[in-house]
């Protein structure tokens, strides 16, 4: 497989759990701490930690130190790259 194909497969695999998608949806609104995610997603702390590990490993979510806390945010570059692929397929399907 090509690097880009592996990236898309990893991206999709990381989003298969509804909890991961919920975390990404909350982070799409802007950077949050893990505590913010627990509160806004209504998931347990353990569930947020588990699913964040998957999202961080796939680089769908990134961590940044912000003063005394760590902020998590969506990797916009990765989302845009993958949405380009979906857009390409969508345009092909629209022409048939």
Protein backbone atom coordinates (compact mmCIF):
# COMPACT_ATOMS: atom_id res chain seq x y z
CA UNK A 1 0.00 0.00 0.00
CA UNK A 2 1.06 3.56 -0.66
CA UNK A 3 1.67 5.95 2.23
CA UNK A 4 -1.48 7.95 1.45
CA UNK A 5 -3.59 4.76 1.34
CA UNK A 6 -2.26 3.73 4.75
CA UNK A 7 -3.01 7.20 6.10
CA UNK A 8 -6.64 7.06 4.93
CA UNK A 9 -7.06 3.52 6.30
CA UNK A 10 -5.66 4.57 9.69
CA UNK A 11 -7.82 7.71 9.67
CA UNK A 12 -11.00 5.72 8.98
CA UNK A 13 -10.11 2.98 11.47
CA UNK A 14 -9.62 5.57 14.23
CA UNK A 15 -13.11 6.96 13.62
CA UNK A 16 -15.03 3.68 13.63
CA UNK A 17 -16.01 3.96 17.31
CA UNK A 18 -18.88 6.38 17.98
CA UNK A 19 -17.00 7.64 21.04
CA UNK A 20 -14.07 8.69 18.84
CA UNK A 21 -16.39 10.51 16.47
CA UNK A 22 -18.05 12.26 19.41
CA UNK A 23 -14.66 13.43 20.71
CA UNK A 24 -13.72 14.74 17.24
CA UNK A 25 -17.05 16.57 16.95
CA UNK A 26 -16.46 18.31 20.29
CA UNK A 27 -12.88 19.20 19.34
CA UNK A 28 -14.03 20.59 15.99
CA UNK A 29 -15.42 23.51 18.00
CA UNK A 30 -11.91 24.33 19.27
CA UNK A 31 -9.15 23.02 21.55
CA UNK A 32 -10.19 21.36 24.81
CA UNK A 33 -8.62 19.71 27.82
CA UNK A 34 -9.38 16.09 28.71
CA UNK A 35 -11.60 17.39 31.52
CA UNK A 36 -13.53 19.49 28.99
CA UNK A 37 -13.98 16.40 26.82
CA UNK A 38 -15.33 14.32 29.70
CA UNK A 39 -17.85 17.04 30.51
CA UNK A 40 -18.92 17.81 26.93
CA UNK A 41 -19.03 14.25 25.57
CA UNK A 42 -20.64 12.80 28.70
CA UNK A 43 -18.20 9.88 28.44
CA UNK A 44 -16.31 8.53 31.45
CA UNK A 45 -12.75 9.72 32.04
CA UNK A 46 -11.49 6.21 31.26
CA UNK A 47 -13.45 6.10 27.98
CA UNK A 48 -12.12 9.50 26.91
CA UNK A 49 -8.56 8.40 27.71
CA UNK A 50 -8.95 5.13 25.81
CA UNK A 51 -10.42 6.72 22.71
CA UNK A 52 -8.02 9.66 22.79
CA UNK A 53 -5.14 7.18 22.71
CA UNK A 54 -6.52 5.79 19.43
CA UNK A 55 -7.08 9.25 17.94
CA UNK A 56 -3.63 10.47 19.00
CA UNK A 57 -1.93 7.35 17.59
CA UNK A 58 -3.70 7.95 14.26
CA UNK A 59 -2.73 11.65 14.46
CA UNK A 60 -6.40 12.62 14.08
CA UNK A 61 -6.03 14.57 17.34
CA UNK A 62 -2.93 16.45 18.46
CA UNK A 63 -1.78 17.63 21.91
CA UNK A 64 -0.36 21.05 22.67
CA UNK A 65 0.92 22.35 25.98
CA UNK A 66 -0.92 25.53 26.97
CA UNK A 67 0.47 26.97 30.17
CA UNK A 68 -0.19 24.47 32.95
CA UNK A 69 -2.67 22.43 30.94
CA UNK A 70 -2.59 20.31 27.80
CA UNK A 71 -5.02 21.19 25.02
CA UNK A 72 -6.24 18.70 22.46
CA UNK A 73 -7.39 19.67 19.00
CA UNK A 74 -8.35 18.17 15.67
CA UNK A 75 -5.51 17.75 13.19
CA UNK A 76 -7.05 20.03 10.56
CA UNK A 77 -4.38 19.24 7.97
CA UNK A 78 -5.13 15.51 8.17
CA UNK A 79 -8.88 16.11 7.92
CA UNK A 80 -8.45 18.34 4.88
CA UNK A 81 -6.17 15.85 3.15
CA UNK A 82 -8.65 13.03 3.69
CA UNK A 83 -11.66 15.15 2.77
CA UNK A 84 -9.93 15.87 -0.56
CA UNK A 85 -9.98 12.14 -1.30
CA UNK A 86 -13.68 11.90 -0.38
CA UNK A 87 -14.41 14.92 -2.58
CA UNK A 88 -12.63 13.26 -5.50
CA UNK A 89 -14.71 10.09 -5.12
CA UNK A 90 -17.87 12.15 -4.67
CA UNK A 91 -17.24 14.09 -7.88
CA UNK A 92 -16.61 10.84 -9.78
CA UNK A 93 -19.87 9.39 -8.45
CA UNK A 94 -21.73 12.59 -9.36
CA UNK A 95 -20.71 12.29 -13.00
CA UNK A 96 -22.10 8.80 -13.46
